[in-house]
Amino acid sequence: MAANKKSNSSKEESKKAVPVEPVKQESFILEKLSVITDNLETYQGRDTVITLLHYLALIIADLCTYFRWGRKKKLSKLFINMFIQLSSCRVMLRIFDDFSAIREYYRFYKNEKLKKTMNPYVKWVTTINLIFWILYNPFEHLGWLGELKVLDVDHESWYFYTNIAWAGGLFTSVLLNFNVVVLYYMQMESKAKREDDKNYDSSKIISKTQMTQSALIAFRDFLDWSIAIHFMPDGFLWSGKLHYYQVGLIGMCSSLCRVHAYVINRQ
């Protein structure tokens, strides 16, 4: 009997829950630093921050010209050099973007089901958009190599072609995303009729979230397109007519839209 009691008591002791040590929570500062680090380790996160900084440098460069101490120390020229260096940094970040551009085109080319359901206008504009982004990268690489004297090419001409591809890609992106916004409101007008139609394809319905995101992208790309036009040769629309602070402010607005879209995608 005594042996049975001992065995039962040992069983009861084994059934008792082992005390778990409380998990130490990270400090507030460490938690915020982890969030910042995790985002900066991504390509989009780092590019977004560099873009914000290089447009901020352009705004400060223009502001320095309004103060005597800024003119005396030639701070405007220093911040313009900072803008140029940060732009070169973004060129380095884009050095392998050719593969993602080709992948997006190939993915679209192989998706026969999607192309059959697309409006012909949307299909052609999408194709042109993807071709512009494919051309953008090698044009920029050639301009960069020409600037470094690695290749005997006119780097200014290749940077001009790069700007055309950039402007073309942005403009077609604005058209595509604006089309989504228009379709959403057309869809809202015909909502009652659509609900009565049992054969309606529900996969074509555009959600409010999709519309909002497309509107944000269209606005962002339109701002970037405005900057691309500024860097075109003189005489084309408003090329060369914007002040540094105007380019900087437009770029900052575009970058903030990029930050907002990035945060939404990460969530």
C-alpha atoms as a PDB file:
ATOM      1  CA  MET A   1       0.000   0.000   0.000  1.00  0.00           C
ATOM      2  CA  ALA A   2       2.790   2.369   0.913  1.00  0.00           C
ATOM      3  CA  ALA A   3       4.470   1.621  -2.393  1.00  0.00           C
ATOM      4  CA  ASN A   4       1.245   2.363  -4.283  1.00  0.00           C
ATOM      5  CA  LYS A   5       0.854   5.660  -2.455  1.00  0.00           C
ATOM      6  CA  LYS A   6       4.401   6.625  -3.339  1.00  0.00           C
ATOM      7  CA  SER A   7       3.843   5.777  -7.021  1.00  0.00           C
ATOM      8  CA  ASN A   8       0.587   7.726  -7.102  1.00  0.00           C
ATOM      9  CA  SER A   9       2.184  10.741  -5.466  1.00  0.00           C
ATOM     10  CA  SER A  10       5.077  10.617  -7.937  1.00  0.00           C
ATOM     11  CA  LYS A  11       2.580  10.495 -10.815  1.00  0.00           C
ATOM     12  CA  GLU A  12       0.707  13.507  -9.421  1.00  0.00           C
ATOM     13  CA  GLU A  13       3.977  15.409  -9.099  1.00  0.00           C
ATOM     14  CA  SER A  14       4.865  14.600 -12.708  1.00  0.00           C
ATOM     15  CA  LYS A  15       1.455  15.842 -13.837  1.00  0.00           C
ATOM     16  CA  LYS A  16       2.061  19.221 -12.209  1.00  0.00           C
ATOM     17  CA  ALA A  17       2.791  21.909 -14.774  1.00  0.00           C
ATOM     18  CA  VAL A  18       6.416  22.914 -15.069  1.00  0.00           C
ATOM     19  CA  PRO A  19       6.711  26.651 -14.321  1.00  0.00           C
ATOM     20  CA  VAL A  20       7.359  28.607 -17.533  1.00  0.00           C
ATOM     21  CA  GLU A  21       9.702  31.533 -17.362  1.00  0.00           C
ATOM     22  CA  PRO A  22       7.988  34.760 -18.445  1.00  0.00           C
ATOM     23  CA  VAL A  23       9.025  35.914 -21.926  1.00  0.00           C
ATOM     24  CA  LYS A  24      10.957  39.108 -21.679  1.00  0.00           C
ATOM     25  CA  GLN A  25       9.441  41.786 -23.874  1.00  0.00           C
ATOM     26  CA  GLU A  26      11.742  43.888 -26.002  1.00  0.00           C
ATOM     27  CA  SER A  27      12.188  47.472 -24.925  1.00  0.00           C
ATOM     28  CA  PHE A  28      10.340  50.169 -26.863  1.00  0.00           C
ATOM     29  CA  ILE A  29      13.544  51.510 -28.449  1.00  0.00           C
ATOM     30  CA  LEU A  30      14.751  48.048 -29.463  1.00  0.00           C
ATOM     31  CA  GLU A  31      11.345  47.246 -30.977  1.00  0.00           C
ATOM     32  CA  LYS A  32      11.337  50.437 -33.072  1.00  0.00           C
ATOM     33  CA  LEU A  33      14.948  49.871 -34.165  1.00  0.00           C
ATOM     34  CA  SER A  34      13.999  46.345 -35.262  1.00  0.00           C
ATOM     35  CA  VAL A  35      11.120  47.693 -37.372  1.00  0.00           C
ATOM     36  CA  ILE A  36      13.384  50.307 -39.006  1.00  0.00           C
ATOM     37  CA  THR A  37      16.138  47.758 -39.649  1.00  0.00           C
ATOM     38  CA  ASP A  38      13.752  45.168 -41.095  1.00  0.00           C
ATOM     39  CA  ASN A  39      12.358  47.738 -43.533  1.00  0.00           C
ATOM     40  CA  LEU A  40      15.759  49.120 -44.533  1.00  0.00           C
ATOM     41  CA  GLU A  41      16.967  45.600 -45.301  1.00  0.00           C
ATOM     42  CA  THR A  42      14.404  45.353 -48.113  1.00  0.00           C
ATOM     43  CA  TYR A  43      15.056  46.788 -51.570  1.00  0.00           C
ATOM     44  CA  GLN A  44      11.894  48.896 -51.642  1.00  0.00           C
ATOM     45  CA  GLY A  45      12.384  50.195 -48.113  1.00  0.00           C
ATOM     46  CA  ARG A  46      15.950  51.342 -48.737  1.00  0.00           C
ATOM     47  CA  ASP A  47      15.127  52.868 -52.126  1.00  0.00           C
ATOM     48  CA  THR A  48      12.174  54.760 -50.627  1.00  0.00           C
ATOM     49  CA  VAL A  49      14.303  56.313 -47.863  1.00  0.00           C
ATOM     50  CA  ILE A  50      17.093  57.270 -50.286  1.00  0.00           C
ATOM     51  CA  THR A  51      14.502  58.839 -52.611  1.00  0.00           C
ATOM     52  CA  LEU A  52      13.090  60.920 -49.736  1.00  0.00           C
ATOM     53  CA  LEU A  53      16.571  62.083 -48.731  1.00  0.00           C
ATOM     54  CA  HIS A  54      17.708  63.035 -52.211  1.00  0.00           C
ATOM     55  CA  TYR A  55      14.609  65.169 -52.869  1.00  0.00           C
ATOM     56  CA  LEU A  56      14.966  66.716 -49.404  1.00  0.00           C
ATOM     57  CA  ALA A  57      18.548  67.683 -50.316  1.00  0.00           C
ATOM     58  CA  LEU A  58      17.216  69.464 -53.410  1.00  0.00           C
ATOM     59  CA  ILE A  59      14.719  71.482 -51.348  1.00  0.00           C
ATOM     60  CA  ILE A  60      17.420  72.495 -48.842  1.00  0.00           C
ATOM     61  CA  ALA A  61      19.748  73.446 -51.716  1.00  0.00           C
ATOM     62  CA  ASP A  62      17.197  75.975 -52.981  1.00  0.00           C
ATOM     63  CA  LEU A  63      16.373  77.288 -49.505  1.00  0.00           C
ATOM     64  CA  CYS A  64      20.063  78.007 -48.829  1.00  0.00           C
ATOM     65  CA  THR A  65      20.100  80.559 -51.653  1.00  0.00           C
ATOM     66  CA  TYR A  66      17.649  82.765 -49.689  1.00  0.00           C
ATOM     67  CA  PHE A  67      20.036  83.239 -46.740  1.00  0.00           C
ATOM     68  CA  ARG A  68      23.284  85.206 -46.704  1.00  0.00           C
ATOM     69  CA  TRP A  69      25.116  82.616 -44.594  1.00  0.00           C
ATOM     70  CA  GLY A  70      23.972  79.909 -47.001  1.00  0.00           C
ATOM     71  CA  ARG A  71      25.273  81.808 -50.024  1.00  0.00           C
ATOM     72  CA  LYS A  72      28.518  82.651 -48.230  1.00  0.00           C
ATOM     73  CA  LYS A  73      29.287  79.013 -47.398  1.00  0.00           C
ATOM     74  CA  LYS A  74      28.018  77.829 -50.821  1.00  0.00           C
ATOM     75  CA  LEU A  75      25.716  75.344 -49.100  1.00  0.00           C
ATOM     76  CA  SER A  76      23.431  75.212 -52.127  1.00  0.00           C
ATOM     77  CA  LYS A  77      26.185  73.650 -54.241  1.00  0.00           C
ATOM     78  CA  LEU A  78      27.002  71.147 -51.479  1.00  0.00           C
ATOM     79  CA  PHE A  79      23.395  69.965 -51.198  1.00  0.00           C
ATOM     80  CA  ILE A  80      23.093  69.714 -54.993  1.00  0.00           C
ATOM     81  CA  ASN A  81      26.179  67.474 -54.947  1.00  0.00           C
ATOM     82  CA  MET A  82      24.461  65.451 -52.220  1.00  0.00           C
ATOM     83  CA  PHE A  83      21.379  65.141 -54.470  1.00  0.00           C
ATOM     84  CA  ILE A  84      23.579  63.923 -57.357  1.00  0.00           C
ATOM     85  CA  GLN A  85      25.389  61.371 -55.164  1.00  0.00           C
ATOM     86  CA  LEU A  86      22.141  59.979 -53.751  1.00  0.00           C
ATOM     87  CA  SER A  87      20.771  59.748 -57.310  1.00  0.00           C
ATOM     88  CA  SER A  88      23.886  57.749 -58.255  1.00  0.00           C
ATOM     89  CA  CYS A  89      23.208  55.522 -55.243  1.00  0.00           C
ATOM     90  CA  ARG A  90      19.739  54.770 -56.630  1.00  0.00           C
ATOM     91  CA  VAL A  91      21.331  53.901 -59.987  1.00  0.00           C
ATOM     92  CA  MET A  92      23.434  51.289 -58.168  1.00  0.00           C
ATOM     93  CA  LEU A  93      20.354  49.878 -56.453  1.00  0.00           C
ATOM     94  CA  ARG A  94      18.667  49.462 -59.857  1.00  0.00           C
ATOM     95  CA  ILE A  95      21.623  47.703 -61.462  1.00  0.00           C
ATOM     96  CA  PHE A  96      19.900  44.284 -61.479  1.00  0.00           C
ATOM     97  CA  ASP A  97      16.330  45.487 -62.094  1.00  0.00           C
ATOM     98  CA  ASP A  98      16.534  44.124 -65.666  1.00  0.00           C
ATOM     99  CA  PHE A  99      15.589  40.671 -64.401  1.00  0.00           C
ATOM    100  CA  SER A 100      12.429  41.801 -62.596  1.00  0.00           C
ATOM    101  CA  ALA A 101      11.331  43.867 -65.635  1.00  0.00           C
ATOM    102  CA  ILE A 102      11.825  40.905 -67.995  1.00  0.00           C
ATOM    103  CA  ARG A 103      10.079  38.587 -65.531  1.00  0.00           C
ATOM    104  CA  GLU A 104       7.000  40.859 -65.392  1.00  0.00           C
ATOM    105  CA  TYR A 105       6.826  41.000 -69.190  1.00  0.00           C
ATOM    106  CA  TYR A 106       7.253  37.230 -69.528  1.00  0.00           C
ATOM    107  CA  ARG A 107       4.642  36.591 -66.837  1.00  0.00           C
ATOM    108  CA  PHE A 108       2.156  38.786 -68.703  1.00  0.00           C
ATOM    109  CA  TYR A 109       3.083  37.226 -72.077  1.00  0.00           C
ATOM    110  CA  LYS A 110       2.447  33.674 -70.806  1.00  0.00           C
ATOM    111  CA  ASN A 111      -0.861  34.515 -69.083  1.00  0.00           C
ATOM    112  CA  GLU A 112      -3.167  33.785 -72.018  1.00  0.00           C
ATOM    113  CA  LYS A 113      -6.237  33.587 -69.790  1.00  0.00           C
ATOM    114  CA  LEU A 114      -5.691  37.129 -68.522  1.00  0.00           C
ATOM    115  CA  LYS A 115      -5.031  38.562 -71.985  1.00  0.00           C
ATOM    116  CA  LYS A 116      -8.235  37.054 -73.390  1.00  0.00           C
ATOM    117  CA  THR A 117     -10.367  38.749 -70.729  1.00  0.00           C
ATOM    118  CA  MET A 118      -8.589  42.130 -71.007  1.00  0.00           C
ATOM    119  CA  ASN A 119      -9.854  45.081 -72.956  1.00  0.00           C
ATOM    120  CA  PRO A 120      -7.699  45.475 -76.147  1.00  0.00           C
ATOM    121  CA  TYR A 121      -6.817  49.028 -75.120  1.00  0.00           C
ATOM    122  CA  VAL A 122      -5.667  47.894 -71.661  1.00  0.00           C
ATOM    123  CA  LYS A 123      -3.745  44.961 -73.148  1.00  0.00           C
ATOM    124  CA  TRP A 124      -1.763  47.154 -75.550  1.00  0.00           C
ATOM    125  CA  VAL A 125      -1.081  49.881 -72.999  1.00  0.00           C
ATOM    126  CA  THR A 126       0.115  47.213 -70.530  1.00  0.00           C
ATOM    127  CA  THR A 127       2.417  45.732 -73.182  1.00  0.00           C
ATOM    128  CA  ILE A 128       3.861  49.167 -74.022  1.00  0.00           C
ATOM    129  CA  ASN A 129       4.293  49.906 -70.302  1.00  0.00           C
ATOM    130  CA  LEU A 130       6.269  46.688 -69.751  1.00  0.00           C
ATOM    131  CA  ILE A 131       8.444  47.344 -72.828  1.00  0.00           C
ATOM    132  CA  PHE A 132       9.292  50.843 -71.555  1.00  0.00           C
ATOM    133  CA  TRP A 133      10.474  49.385 -68.223  1.00  0.00           C
ATOM    134  CA  ILE A 134      12.514  46.702 -69.996  1.00  0.00           C
ATOM    135  CA  LEU A 135      14.263  49.380 -72.099  1.00  0.00           C
ATOM    136  CA  TYR A 136      14.762  51.727 -69.146  1.00  0.00           C
ATOM    137  CA  ASN A 137      17.338  49.560 -67.382  1.00  0.00           C
ATOM    138  CA  PRO A 138      19.830  48.846 -70.225  1.00  0.00           C
ATOM    139  CA  PHE A 139      19.602  52.488 -71.350  1.00  0.00           C
ATOM    140  CA  GLU A 140      20.542  53.600 -67.834  1.00  0.00           C
ATOM    141  CA  HIS A 141      23.355  51.030 -67.644  1.00  0.00           C
ATOM    142  CA  LEU A 142      24.828  52.294 -70.924  1.00  0.00           C
ATOM    143  CA  GLY A 143      24.607  55.894 -69.738  1.00  0.00           C
ATOM    144  CA  TRP A 144      26.320  54.967 -66.472  1.00  0.00           C
ATOM    145  CA  LEU A 145      29.101  52.998 -68.205  1.00  0.00           C
ATOM    146  CA  GLY A 146      29.583  55.838 -70.677  1.00  0.00           C
ATOM    147  CA  GLU A 147      29.848  58.339 -67.830  1.00  0.00           C
ATOM    148  CA  LEU A 148      32.560  56.177 -66.216  1.00  0.00           C
ATOM    149  CA  LYS A 149      34.397  55.954 -69.602  1.00  0.00           C
ATOM    150  CA  VAL A 150      34.117  52.155 -69.481  1.00  0.00           C
ATOM    151  CA  LEU A 151      32.326  52.274 -72.846  1.00  0.00           C
ATOM    152  CA  ASP A 152      33.008  54.777 -75.606  1.00  0.00           C
ATOM    153  CA  VAL A 153      29.427  56.031 -75.833  1.00  0.00           C
ATOM    154  CA  ASP A 154      27.761  59.400 -75.401  1.00  0.00           C
ATOM    155  CA  HIS A 155      26.392  59.045 -71.856  1.00  0.00           C
ATOM    156  CA  GLU A 156      24.184  62.157 -72.186  1.00  0.00           C
ATOM    157  CA  SER A 157      22.365  60.600 -75.158  1.00  0.00           C
ATOM    158  CA  TRP A 158      21.777  57.344 -73.284  1.00  0.00           C
ATOM    159  CA  TYR A 159      20.554  59.217 -70.209  1.00  0.00           C
ATOM    160  CA  PHE A 160      18.171  61.068 -72.540  1.00  0.00           C
ATOM    161  CA  TYR A 161      16.845  57.721 -73.846  1.00  0.00           C
ATOM    162  CA  THR A 162      16.579  56.570 -70.225  1.00  0.00           C
ATOM    163  CA  ASN A 163      14.457  59.600 -69.419  1.00  0.00           C
ATOM    164  CA  ILE A 164      12.169  58.902 -72.403  1.00  0.00           C
ATOM    165  CA  ALA A 165      11.682  55.305 -71.227  1.00  0.00           C
ATOM    166  CA  TRP A 166      11.056  56.530 -67.664  1.00  0.00           C
ATOM    167  CA  ALA A 167       8.508  59.117 -68.808  1.00  0.00           C
ATOM    168  CA  GLY A 168       6.819  56.585 -71.110  1.00  0.00           C
ATOM    169  CA  GLY A 169       6.600  53.945 -68.382  1.00  0.00           C
ATOM    170  CA  LEU A 170       5.173  56.441 -65.900  1.00  0.00           C
ATOM    171  CA  PHE A 171       2.622  57.890 -68.322  1.00  0.00           C
ATOM    172  CA  THR A 172       1.296  54.468 -69.355  1.00  0.00           C
ATOM    173  CA  SER A 173       1.155  53.478 -65.676  1.00  0.00           C
ATOM    174  CA  VAL A 174      -0.976  56.570 -64.976  1.00  0.00           C
ATOM    175  CA  LEU A 175      -3.349  55.575 -67.796  1.00  0.00           C
ATOM    176  CA  LEU A 176      -3.663  51.982 -66.548  1.00  0.00           C
ATOM    177  CA  ASN A 177      -4.284  52.904 -62.916  1.00  0.00           C
ATOM    178  CA  PHE A 178      -6.632  55.767 -63.780  1.00  0.00           C
ATOM    179  CA  ASN A 179      -8.587  53.275 -65.896  1.00  0.00           C
ATOM    180  CA  VAL A 180      -9.084  51.120 -62.777  1.00  0.00           C
ATOM    181  CA  VAL A 181     -10.512  54.131 -60.911  1.00  0.00           C
ATOM    182  CA  VAL A 182     -12.902  54.914 -63.803  1.00  0.00           C
ATOM    183  CA  LEU A 183     -14.037  51.280 -64.010  1.00  0.00           C
ATOM    184  CA  TYR A 184     -14.698  51.231 -60.267  1.00  0.00           C
ATOM    185  CA  TYR A 185     -17.102  54.195 -60.467  1.00  0.00           C
ATOM    186  CA  MET A 186     -18.757  52.783 -63.583  1.00  0.00           C
ATOM    187  CA  GLN A 187     -19.168  49.545 -61.675  1.00  0.00           C
ATOM    188  CA  MET A 188     -20.796  51.382 -58.748  1.00  0.00           C
ATOM    189  CA  GLU A 189     -23.319  52.993 -61.096  1.00  0.00           C
ATOM    190  CA  SER A 190     -24.345  49.609 -62.502  1.00  0.00           C
ATOM    191  CA  LYS A 191     -24.307  47.809 -59.131  1.00  0.00           C
ATOM    192  CA  ALA A 192     -28.068  47.107 -59.010  1.00  0.00           C
ATOM    193  CA  LYS A 193     -28.110  45.753 -62.562  1.00  0.00           C
ATOM    194  CA  ARG A 194     -25.045  43.600 -61.877  1.00  0.00           C
ATOM    195  CA  GLU A 195     -26.560  42.039 -58.752  1.00  0.00           C
ATOM    196  CA  ASP A 196     -29.612  40.947 -60.768  1.00  0.00           C
ATOM    197  CA  ASP A 197     -27.436  39.295 -63.431  1.00  0.00           C
ATOM    198  CA  LYS A 198     -26.656  35.723 -62.281  1.00  0.00           C
ATOM    199  CA  ASN A 199     -24.146  35.188 -65.115  1.00  0.00           C
ATOM    200  CA  TYR A 200     -21.968  38.149 -64.141  1.00  0.00           C
ATOM    201  CA  ASP A 201     -18.314  37.255 -63.557  1.00  0.00           C
ATOM    202  CA  SER A 202     -17.601  38.263 -59.946  1.00  0.00           C
ATOM    203  CA  SER A 203     -13.819  38.109 -60.542  1.00  0.00           C
ATOM    204  CA  LYS A 204     -14.116  41.340 -62.563  1.00  0.00           C
ATOM    205  CA  ILE A 205     -15.446  43.286 -59.575  1.00  0.00           C
ATOM    206  CA  ILE A 206     -13.004  45.974 -58.406  1.00  0.00           C
ATOM    207  CA  SER A 207     -12.902  46.497 -54.646  1.00  0.00           C
ATOM    208  CA  LYS A 208     -12.645  49.899 -53.006  1.00  0.00           C
ATOM    209  CA  THR A 209      -9.180  48.945 -51.705  1.00  0.00           C
ATOM    210  CA  GLN A 210      -7.998  48.189 -55.244  1.00  0.00           C
ATOM    211  CA  MET A 211      -9.440  51.484 -56.481  1.00  0.00           C
ATOM    212  CA  THR A 212      -7.765  53.474 -53.680  1.00  0.00           C
ATOM    213  CA  GLN A 213      -4.416  51.826 -54.329  1.00  0.00           C
ATOM    214  CA  SER A 214      -4.683  52.456 -58.079  1.00  0.00           C
ATOM    215  CA  ALA A 215      -5.596  56.123 -57.465  1.00  0.00           C
ATOM    216  CA  LEU A 216      -2.554  56.496 -55.199  1.00  0.00           C
ATOM    217  CA  ILE A 217      -0.233  54.889 -57.763  1.00  0.00           C
ATOM    218  CA  ALA A 218      -1.677  57.040 -60.574  1.00  0.00           C
ATOM    219  CA  PHE A 219      -1.122  60.212 -58.525  1.00  0.00           C
ATOM    220  CA  ARG A 220       2.410  59.141 -57.548  1.00  0.00           C
ATOM    221  CA  ASP A 221       3.402  58.251 -61.116  1.00  0.00           C
ATOM    222  CA  PHE A 222       1.922  61.504 -62.433  1.00  0.00           C
ATOM    223  CA  LEU A 223       4.147  63.433 -60.009  1.00  0.00           C
ATOM    224  CA  ASP A 224       7.194  61.433 -61.131  1.00  0.00           C
ATOM    225  CA  TRP A 225       6.209  61.996 -64.771  1.00  0.00           C
ATOM    226  CA  SER A 226       6.143  65.760 -64.101  1.00  0.00           C
ATOM    227  CA  ILE A 227       9.748  65.497 -62.880  1.00  0.00           C
ATOM    228  CA  ALA A 228      10.714  63.378 -65.907  1.00  0.00           C
ATOM    229  CA  ILE A 229       9.368  66.103 -68.224  1.00  0.00           C
ATOM    230  CA  HIS A 230      11.441  68.701 -66.332  1.00  0.00           C
ATOM    231  CA  PHE A 231      14.625  66.778 -67.234  1.00  0.00           C
ATOM    232  CA  MET A 232      13.756  66.603 -70.929  1.00  0.00           C
ATOM    233  CA  PRO A 233      15.609  68.879 -73.414  1.00  0.00           C
ATOM    234  CA  ASP A 234      14.627  72.562 -73.306  1.00  0.00           C
ATOM    235  CA  GLY A 235      11.502  73.500 -75.210  1.00  0.00           C
ATOM    236  CA  PHE A 236       9.459  70.371 -74.433  1.00  0.00           C
ATOM    237  CA  LEU A 237       6.461  71.315 -72.278  1.00  0.00           C
ATOM    238  CA  TRP A 238       7.857  72.612 -68.924  1.00  0.00           C
ATOM    239  CA  SER A 239      11.331  71.051 -69.282  1.00  0.00           C
ATOM    240  CA  GLY A 240      13.957  72.980 -67.326  1.00  0.00           C
ATOM    241  CA  LYS A 241      11.419  75.511 -66.018  1.00  0.00           C
ATOM    242  CA  LEU A 242      10.953  74.167 -62.490  1.00  0.00           C
ATOM    243  CA  HIS A 243      13.040  75.476 -59.590  1.00  0.00           C
ATOM    244  CA  TYR A 244      15.003  73.090 -57.376  1.00  0.00           C
ATOM    245  CA  TYR A 245      12.525  73.428 -54.515  1.00  0.00           C
ATOM    246  CA  GLN A 246       9.602  72.702 -56.876  1.00  0.00           C
ATOM    247  CA  VAL A 247      11.244  69.506 -58.137  1.00  0.00           C
ATOM    248  CA  GLY A 248      12.055  68.621 -54.526  1.00  0.00           C
ATOM    249  CA  LEU A 249       8.499  69.202 -53.280  1.00  0.00           C
ATOM    250  CA  ILE A 250       6.970  67.194 -56.133  1.00  0.00           C
ATOM    251  CA  GLY A 251       9.483  64.422 -55.473  1.00  0.00           C
ATOM    252  CA  MET A 252       8.775  64.482 -51.726  1.00  0.00           C
ATOM    253  CA  CYS A 253       5.017  64.132 -52.350  1.00  0.00           C
ATOM    254  CA  SER A 254       5.693  61.230 -54.702  1.00  0.00           C
ATOM    255  CA  SER A 255       8.015  59.616 -52.157  1.00  0.00           C
ATOM    256  CA  LEU A 256       5.419  59.947 -49.368  1.00  0.00           C
ATOM    257  CA  CYS A 257       2.887  58.203 -51.632  1.00  0.00           C
ATOM    258  CA  ARG A 258       5.505  55.498 -52.130  1.00  0.00           C
ATOM    259  CA  VAL A 259       5.990  55.182 -48.359  1.00  0.00           C
ATOM    260  CA  HIS A 260       2.217  54.885 -47.831  1.00  0.00           C
ATOM    261  CA  ALA A 261       1.911  52.180 -50.511  1.00  0.00           C
ATOM    262  CA  TYR A 262       4.941  50.353 -49.089  1.00  0.00           C
ATOM    263  CA  VAL A 263       3.507  50.332 -45.557  1.00  0.00           C
ATOM    264  CA  ILE A 264       0.155  49.007 -46.824  1.00  0.00           C
ATOM    265  CA  ASN A 265       1.876  46.205 -48.775  1.00  0.00           C
ATOM    266  CA  ARG A 266       3.994  45.254 -45.747  1.00  0.00           C
ATOM    267  CA  GLN A 267       0.887  45.022 -43.572  1.00  0.00           C
END
